[in-house]
Amino acid sequence: MSRQKPRFTALLLIAVLLVPLLAACGGPEAKSAQPAATAPAAKPTAKPAAQATAKPAASADPSTRVSESLGLLMGQSDKPGALPSFHVEINDSGPTFDRQAKTVLTNAVKIKADVQGTDVHAWIEGDDGKTTEGYVIGNDDYVVDGGQVKQDALAGVGLTWAMWQLEPVVILSLAGLGAQAAGTQAVDGRTADVFAVDMAKADPAVLAGVQAFIGRGISVAKGKVWVDQQSGALLKTVLDYEQDLYDVTSSDKNAPPVGHGSGHIDIAVSQVGKVSVSLPK
């Protein structure tokens, strides 16, 4: 079930760099750029509005709305997102270079999850097509095995849940630099502001500054983003990107790319306020 994706380490470093970088470029703080690589922290016993991730002003520019939307959906390890609960489906496929086979492969992440506060009930599809069902409740990971729920930190449910967010953060941030308003649309009964996003339409100086630190090799990042009018949280996105791949173990910073590939990210949120998460009794 757990994916030993070679790009995870690089993406984790990217996430750490993203916050100060975008702030320096006049962009959003990108709260979602720093998910923990461990299971989320304990769920608070009460969730007053002051503890929820704050939503941006409705008048914020399109780039800010887009770049903050995933963070507002997912919250932080110790704070719930802007929505009380929701169901989400994630399909993320992207290129990676297999150093042993010396070829470009496609890594796929397929997750369905119910989220309430910081608690998660997830179904994670592995490379072999088998699905692992598990929970992240407070600091603890659980896996469903033979119909029985067992606490198992080694199952990787919490780690996988944290890690899937890293790549969309980067692609959304780059594409979002060229965000343009594209009307409104209903998404599962909620009104969403629609944005067309394309890094090719970003300010060249800002884009160059961002790509000096993150998104190395990404030449195309574009698609559409649907942002909830009420909360500012991401409700849906469809993104495509292209990327030159580099040998991350090479000490030569000027080494040419070792391959090229394309990626696709599809995230869809539904059932807002209609799901709950707890361990079966």
Protein backbone atom coordinates (compact mmCIF):
# COMPACT_ATOMS: atom_id res chain seq x y z
CA MET A 1 0.00 0.00 0.00
CA SER A 2 2.68 2.53 0.95
CA ARG A 3 4.50 4.00 -2.02
CA GLN A 4 8.24 4.36 -1.90
CA LYS A 5 8.21 7.23 -4.37
CA PRO A 6 11.68 8.62 -5.10
CA ARG A 7 10.24 12.11 -5.46
CA PHE A 8 8.89 12.18 -1.87
CA THR A 9 12.10 13.46 -0.31
CA ALA A 10 12.48 16.20 -2.90
CA LEU A 11 8.84 17.20 -2.49
CA LEU A 12 9.19 17.40 1.27
CA LEU A 13 12.08 19.83 0.86
CA ILE A 14 10.03 21.76 -1.68
CA ALA A 15 7.19 22.08 0.80
CA VAL A 16 9.49 23.52 3.45
CA LEU A 17 10.83 26.09 0.98
CA LEU A 18 7.45 27.06 -0.39
CA VAL A 19 6.19 29.16 2.53
CA PRO A 20 8.94 31.80 2.78
CA LEU A 21 9.46 31.81 -0.98
CA LEU A 22 5.91 32.71 -1.93
CA ALA A 23 5.72 35.27 0.86
CA ALA A 24 8.87 36.94 -0.46
CA CYS A 25 7.42 37.01 -3.98
CA GLY A 26 4.27 38.74 -2.78
CA GLY A 27 2.21 35.57 -2.96
CA PRO A 28 0.23 33.65 -0.33
CA GLU A 29 1.68 32.06 2.76
CA ALA A 30 0.78 28.62 1.35
CA LYS A 31 -0.16 27.08 4.69
CA SER A 32 -0.64 23.71 3.00
CA ALA A 33 3.02 23.60 2.05
CA GLN A 34 4.03 22.19 5.39
CA PRO A 35 2.05 18.99 6.13
CA ALA A 36 3.82 16.81 8.66
CA ALA A 37 5.42 13.61 7.47
CA THR A 38 3.83 11.82 10.40
CA ALA A 39 0.26 11.19 11.47
CA PRO A 40 -1.67 14.38 12.26
CA ALA A 41 -1.60 15.66 15.82
CA ALA A 42 -4.35 14.88 18.30
CA LYS A 43 -7.82 16.03 17.42
CA PRO A 44 -9.05 18.80 19.72
CA THR A 45 -12.00 17.85 21.86
CA ALA A 46 -13.78 20.98 20.73
CA LYS A 47 -13.46 22.84 17.47
CA PRO A 48 -14.35 26.51 17.99
CA ALA A 49 -14.20 28.66 14.90
CA ALA A 50 -11.05 30.33 16.19
CA GLN A 51 -9.16 27.05 15.84
CA ALA A 52 -10.17 26.41 12.26
CA THR A 53 -7.88 27.46 9.43
CA ALA A 54 -8.84 31.05 8.62
CA LYS A 55 -10.31 31.71 5.19
CA PRO A 56 -8.98 34.47 2.92
CA ALA A 57 -10.96 37.59 2.15
CA ALA A 58 -13.38 37.11 -0.74
CA SER A 59 -11.73 40.06 -2.47
CA ALA A 60 -8.30 38.38 -2.49
CA ASP A 61 -6.65 38.17 -5.89
CA PRO A 62 -7.10 34.97 -7.94
CA SER A 63 -3.54 33.79 -7.32
CA THR A 64 -4.00 34.00 -3.56
CA ARG A 65 -7.40 32.31 -3.67
CA VAL A 66 -6.02 29.40 -5.68
CA SER A 67 -2.77 28.95 -3.78
CA GLU A 68 -4.46 29.01 -0.37
CA SER A 69 -7.38 26.76 -1.31
CA LEU A 70 -5.75 23.37 -0.65
CA GLY A 71 -4.45 24.53 2.73
CA LEU A 72 -7.90 25.77 3.67
CA LEU A 73 -9.36 22.40 2.72
CA MET A 74 -6.79 20.26 4.52
CA GLY A 75 -5.89 22.49 7.45
CA GLN A 76 -2.68 21.80 9.33
CA SER A 77 -1.54 18.90 11.47
CA ASP A 78 -2.96 20.51 14.61
CA LYS A 79 -5.79 22.55 13.10
CA PRO A 80 -8.81 21.41 11.09
CA GLY A 81 -9.52 22.91 7.72
CA ALA A 82 -12.25 25.41 6.88
CA LEU A 83 -14.91 22.74 6.20
CA PRO A 84 -16.42 20.76 9.11
CA SER A 85 -16.28 17.47 7.23
CA PHE A 86 -16.12 16.22 3.65
CA HIS A 87 -15.43 13.32 1.30
CA VAL A 88 -12.49 13.68 -1.07
CA GLU A 89 -11.20 11.65 -4.00
CA ILE A 90 -7.62 12.11 -5.19
CA ASN A 91 -6.09 10.82 -8.41
CA ASP A 92 -2.50 11.94 -8.89
CA SER A 93 -0.19 10.50 -11.51
CA GLY A 94 3.25 11.92 -12.14
CA PRO A 95 6.62 11.04 -13.65
CA THR A 96 9.62 9.74 -11.75
CA PHE A 97 12.99 8.52 -12.94
CA ASP A 98 13.91 4.94 -12.09
CA ARG A 99 17.68 5.08 -11.69
CA GLN A 100 18.06 1.30 -11.77
CA ALA A 101 16.06 0.81 -14.96
CA LYS A 102 17.17 4.19 -16.31
CA THR A 103 13.71 5.00 -17.56
CA VAL A 104 10.83 7.33 -16.73
CA LEU A 105 7.99 5.67 -14.84
CA THR A 106 4.58 6.92 -13.78
CA ASN A 107 3.70 6.90 -10.09
CA ALA A 108 0.02 6.92 -9.26
CA VAL A 109 -1.72 7.91 -6.03
CA LYS A 110 -5.38 6.98 -5.69
CA ILE A 111 -7.10 7.83 -2.42
CA LYS A 112 -10.68 8.15 -1.27
CA ALA A 113 -11.27 9.54 2.21
CA ASP A 114 -13.82 10.88 4.64
CA VAL A 115 -12.42 13.74 6.72
CA GLN A 116 -13.83 15.26 9.89
CA GLY A 117 -11.67 17.83 11.62
CA THR A 118 -8.22 16.24 11.71
CA ASP A 119 -9.51 12.65 11.67
CA VAL A 120 -9.47 10.60 8.47
CA HIS A 121 -11.03 7.37 7.21
CA ALA A 122 -9.13 6.50 4.03
CA TRP A 123 -9.15 3.93 1.26
CA ILE A 124 -5.74 3.85 -0.43
CA GLU A 125 -5.17 1.94 -3.65
CA GLY A 126 -1.73 0.37 -3.95
CA ASP A 127 0.43 -0.27 -6.99
CA ASP A 128 -0.86 -3.84 -7.08
CA GLY A 129 -4.47 -2.65 -7.35
CA LYS A 130 -5.31 -3.73 -3.80
CA THR A 131 -7.00 -1.22 -1.51
CA THR A 132 -5.97 -0.63 2.09
CA GLU A 133 -8.62 0.77 4.41
CA GLY A 134 -7.39 2.69 7.41
CA TYR A 135 -7.92 5.50 9.87
CA VAL A 136 -5.93 8.38 11.29
CA ILE A 137 -7.44 9.28 14.65
CA GLY A 138 -5.47 11.82 16.63
CA ASN A 139 -1.86 10.65 16.63
CA ASP A 140 -2.72 7.02 15.91
CA ASP A 141 -2.89 4.98 12.70
CA TYR A 142 -5.30 2.09 12.29
CA VAL A 143 -5.71 -0.43 9.50
CA VAL A 144 -8.68 -2.66 8.69
CA ASP A 145 -7.42 -6.22 8.37
CA GLY A 146 -9.83 -9.08 7.80
CA GLY A 147 -12.71 -6.95 8.96
CA GLN A 148 -10.94 -6.07 12.22
CA VAL A 149 -9.59 -2.61 13.04
CA LYS A 150 -6.06 -2.78 14.39
CA GLN A 151 -3.72 -0.03 15.53
CA ASP A 152 -0.69 -0.20 13.25
CA ALA A 153 1.74 2.70 12.91
CA LEU A 154 3.74 0.76 10.31
CA ALA A 155 0.80 0.49 7.91
CA GLY A 156 1.66 3.96 6.60
CA VAL A 157 -1.87 5.36 6.50
CA GLY A 158 -0.95 8.63 8.21
CA LEU A 159 2.25 9.01 6.20
CA THR A 160 0.48 8.44 2.89
CA TRP A 161 -2.27 10.87 3.88
CA ALA A 162 0.29 13.56 4.69
CA MET A 163 2.48 12.97 1.66
CA TRP A 164 -0.14 13.05 -1.10
CA GLN A 165 -0.65 16.78 -0.54
CA LEU A 166 2.91 17.80 -1.39
CA GLU A 167 2.83 17.53 -5.16
CA PRO A 168 -0.50 19.34 -5.62
CA VAL A 169 0.86 22.16 -3.43
CA VAL A 170 3.71 22.73 -5.89
CA ILE A 171 1.63 22.43 -9.07
CA LEU A 172 -1.20 24.60 -7.69
CA SER A 173 1.29 27.23 -6.58
CA LEU A 174 3.01 27.42 -9.98
CA ALA A 175 -0.17 27.27 -12.07
CA GLY A 176 -1.90 29.63 -9.65
CA LEU A 177 0.61 32.39 -10.38
CA GLY A 178 -1.29 32.80 -13.65
CA ALA A 179 -4.80 32.41 -12.23
CA GLN A 180 -7.69 34.20 -13.91
CA ALA A 181 -11.31 34.34 -12.75
CA ALA A 182 -13.62 32.21 -14.92
CA GLY A 183 -17.07 32.68 -13.39
CA THR A 184 -18.97 30.64 -10.83
CA GLN A 185 -20.34 27.13 -10.82
CA ALA A 186 -22.15 24.78 -8.43
CA VAL A 187 -20.05 21.90 -7.08
CA ASP A 188 -22.09 19.30 -5.19
CA GLY A 189 -24.59 21.96 -4.18
CA ARG A 190 -22.05 24.60 -3.12
CA THR A 191 -21.27 27.78 -5.03
CA ALA A 192 -17.68 27.86 -6.25
CA ASP A 193 -15.58 30.53 -7.88
CA VAL A 194 -13.88 29.03 -10.93
CA PHE A 195 -10.31 29.94 -11.90
CA ALA A 196 -8.39 29.08 -15.03
CA VAL A 197 -4.78 28.57 -14.00
CA ASP A 198 -1.69 28.54 -16.21
CA MET A 199 1.89 29.25 -15.20
CA ALA A 200 2.53 30.51 -18.74
CA LYS A 201 0.35 33.54 -17.90
CA ALA A 202 2.23 34.39 -14.71
CA ASP A 203 4.46 37.43 -14.29
CA PRO A 204 7.76 36.14 -15.73
CA ALA A 205 9.86 37.71 -12.96
CA VAL A 206 7.74 36.23 -10.19
CA LEU A 207 7.64 32.82 -11.87
CA ALA A 208 11.41 32.83 -12.35
CA GLY A 209 11.90 33.72 -8.69
CA VAL A 210 9.65 30.90 -7.54
CA GLN A 211 11.18 28.34 -9.88
CA ALA A 212 14.65 29.21 -8.64
CA PHE A 213 13.63 27.31 -5.50
CA ILE A 214 10.73 24.98 -6.34
CA GLY A 215 9.27 23.19 -9.32
CA ARG A 216 12.57 22.51 -11.02
CA GLY A 217 12.02 21.24 -14.54
CA ILE A 218 8.30 22.00 -14.64
CA SER A 219 7.65 23.68 -17.97
CA VAL A 220 3.85 23.42 -18.09
CA ALA A 221 1.31 23.62 -15.25
CA LYS A 222 -2.28 24.50 -16.09
CA GLY A 223 -5.89 23.56 -15.55
CA LYS A 224 -8.94 24.68 -13.58
CA VAL A 225 -9.63 25.21 -9.90
CA TRP A 226 -13.00 25.50 -8.15
CA VAL A 227 -12.85 27.38 -4.82
CA ASP A 228 -15.71 27.40 -2.32
CA GLN A 229 -17.13 30.93 -2.07
CA GLN A 230 -18.09 30.55 1.56
CA SER A 231 -14.91 29.06 3.04
CA GLY A 232 -12.20 29.59 0.42
CA ALA A 233 -11.46 25.85 0.47
CA LEU A 234 -10.67 23.83 -2.63
CA LEU A 235 -13.70 21.94 -3.94
CA LYS A 236 -12.27 20.62 -7.18
CA THR A 237 -9.22 20.87 -9.39
CA VAL A 238 -8.03 19.35 -12.63
CA LEU A 239 -4.37 20.04 -13.40
CA ASP A 240 -1.91 18.89 -16.04
CA TYR A 241 1.82 19.46 -16.02
CA GLU A 242 5.04 18.55 -17.79
CA GLN A 243 8.41 18.15 -16.13
CA ASP A 244 12.03 17.47 -16.93
CA LEU A 245 13.46 14.98 -14.44
CA TYR A 246 16.89 15.19 -12.82
CA ASP A 247 19.05 12.78 -10.89
CA VAL A 248 18.52 14.11 -7.36
CA THR A 249 21.57 12.18 -6.16
CA SER A 250 23.93 13.96 -8.57
CA SER A 251 26.39 16.48 -7.15
CA ASP A 252 26.48 18.31 -10.49
CA LYS A 253 23.92 21.10 -10.26
CA ASN A 254 24.29 21.75 -13.98
CA ALA A 255 23.69 18.17 -15.04
CA PRO A 256 21.17 17.83 -17.89
CA PRO A 257 17.79 16.22 -17.28
CA VAL A 258 17.67 12.43 -17.34
CA GLY A 259 14.12 12.25 -18.67
CA HIS A 260 10.83 14.00 -19.28
CA GLY A 261 7.28 13.14 -18.34
CA SER A 262 3.77 14.47 -17.83
CA GLY A 263 1.49 14.41 -14.81
CA HIS A 264 -2.19 14.81 -14.01
CA ILE A 265 -3.90 15.77 -10.74
CA ASP A 266 -7.62 15.41 -10.11
CA ILE A 267 -9.11 16.30 -6.71
CA ALA A 268 -12.86 16.32 -6.05
CA VAL A 269 -14.61 17.22 -2.77
CA SER A 270 -18.21 16.31 -1.97
CA GLN A 271 -20.61 15.70 0.94
CA VAL A 272 -19.50 18.79 2.84
CA GLY A 273 -20.76 18.62 6.42
CA LYS A 274 -22.36 15.24 5.79
CA VAL A 275 -19.69 12.72 6.82
CA SER A 276 -18.32 11.68 10.21
CA VAL A 277 -15.19 9.77 11.18
CA SER A 278 -14.78 7.47 14.15
CA LEU A 279 -13.47 3.98 14.80
CA PRO A 280 -16.05 1.19 14.48
CA LYS A 281 -17.29 -0.08 17.82
